[in-house]
Amino acid sequence: VRSVMIDNIDKVLERGDRLDLLVDKTTTMQGNTVRFKRQARRYRSTTWWRNVKLTAALILLLLVIVYIALFFVCHGFTLPTCIR
């Protein structure tokens, strides 16, 4: 009976050690999750700003191309023949 009791106590202590290890791993994973969310939010924001800048640059380029076309059609910078 004594040896069975000692074996049971050893098993309980081993389970306790495994539970402590599991708690440590869970804490580490929780910290990684918070860091991942922060990095994902930062990446999403960076990507959004990059898209906004690209859209603005494309619109500006389109306006410049339209102005250059009107410059040649209307004969001058102030577009004198088109404004009349």
Protein backbone atom coordinates (compact mmCIF):
# COMPACT_ATOMS: atom_id res chain seq x y z
CA VAL A 1 0.00 0.00 0.00
CA ARG A 2 2.84 2.34 0.85
CA SER A 3 4.53 1.92 -2.55
CA VAL A 4 1.23 2.49 -4.36
CA MET A 5 0.71 5.67 -2.34
CA ILE A 6 4.22 6.87 -3.15
CA ASP A 7 3.63 6.15 -6.87
CA ASN A 8 0.34 8.08 -6.77
CA ILE A 9 2.01 11.05 -5.05
CA ASP A 10 4.78 11.01 -7.67
CA LYS A 11 2.21 10.98 -10.46
CA VAL A 12 0.35 13.91 -8.90
CA LEU A 13 3.61 15.88 -8.61
CA GLU A 14 4.44 15.13 -12.25
CA ARG A 15 0.99 16.33 -13.30
CA GLY A 16 1.55 19.50 -11.28
CA ASP A 17 4.84 20.09 -13.10
CA ARG A 18 3.14 19.53 -16.44
CA LEU A 19 0.36 21.90 -15.45
CA ASP A 20 2.92 24.57 -14.53
CA LEU A 21 4.61 24.06 -17.88
CA LEU A 22 1.24 24.35 -19.63
CA VAL A 23 0.45 27.57 -17.76
CA ASP A 24 3.82 29.03 -18.79
CA LYS A 25 3.23 28.10 -22.43
CA THR A 26 -0.25 29.63 -22.31
CA THR A 27 1.14 32.88 -20.91
CA THR A 28 3.77 32.98 -23.65
CA MET A 29 1.16 32.35 -26.33
CA GLN A 30 -1.05 35.09 -24.93
CA GLY A 31 1.84 37.56 -25.13
CA ASN A 32 2.55 36.47 -28.69
CA THR A 33 -1.11 36.97 -29.59
CA VAL A 34 -1.11 40.55 -28.30
CA ARG A 35 2.10 41.29 -30.20
CA PHE A 36 0.69 39.72 -33.38
CA LYS A 37 -2.49 41.81 -33.17
CA ARG A 38 -0.44 44.98 -32.71
CA GLN A 39 1.79 44.16 -35.68
CA ALA A 40 -1.20 43.24 -37.84
CA ARG A 41 -2.90 46.54 -37.01
CA ARG A 42 0.29 48.46 -37.83
CA TYR A 43 0.70 46.59 -41.13
CA ARG A 44 -2.94 47.22 -42.08
CA SER A 45 -2.54 50.93 -41.35
CA THR A 46 0.69 51.12 -43.35
CA THR A 47 -0.91 49.34 -46.29
CA TRP A 48 -3.96 51.62 -46.18
CA TRP A 49 -1.79 54.76 -46.21
CA ARG A 50 0.26 53.35 -49.09
CA ASN A 51 -2.95 52.79 -51.07
CA VAL A 52 -4.18 56.32 -50.29
CA LYS A 53 -0.87 57.82 -51.45
CA LEU A 54 -0.92 55.75 -54.63
CA THR A 55 -4.50 56.78 -55.41
CA ALA A 56 -3.68 60.45 -54.81
CA ALA A 57 -0.60 60.20 -57.06
CA LEU A 58 -2.64 58.57 -59.83
CA ILE A 59 -5.32 61.26 -59.63
CA LEU A 60 -2.68 64.00 -59.73
CA LEU A 61 -1.01 62.33 -62.74
CA LEU A 62 -4.36 62.08 -64.51
CA LEU A 63 -5.05 65.78 -63.86
CA VAL A 64 -1.62 66.72 -65.21
CA ILE A 65 -2.21 64.66 -68.36
CA VAL A 66 -5.63 66.29 -68.89
CA TYR A 67 -4.10 69.75 -68.38
CA ILE A 68 -1.31 69.01 -70.87
CA ALA A 69 -3.88 67.83 -73.41
CA LEU A 70 -5.92 71.02 -72.90
CA PHE A 71 -2.71 73.08 -73.14
CA PHE A 72 -2.07 71.76 -76.65
CA VAL A 73 -5.70 72.02 -77.74
CA CYS A 74 -6.30 75.51 -76.28
CA HIS A 75 -2.91 77.04 -77.30
CA GLY A 76 -1.39 78.22 -74.00
CA PHE A 77 -0.95 77.86 -70.25
CA THR A 78 -4.01 79.94 -69.41
CA LEU A 79 -6.14 78.07 -71.93
CA PRO A 80 -7.21 81.28 -73.73
CA THR A 81 -9.20 79.75 -76.60
CA CYS A 82 -11.10 77.30 -74.38
CA ILE A 83 -12.17 79.80 -71.70
CA ARG A 84 -14.05 82.13 -74.06
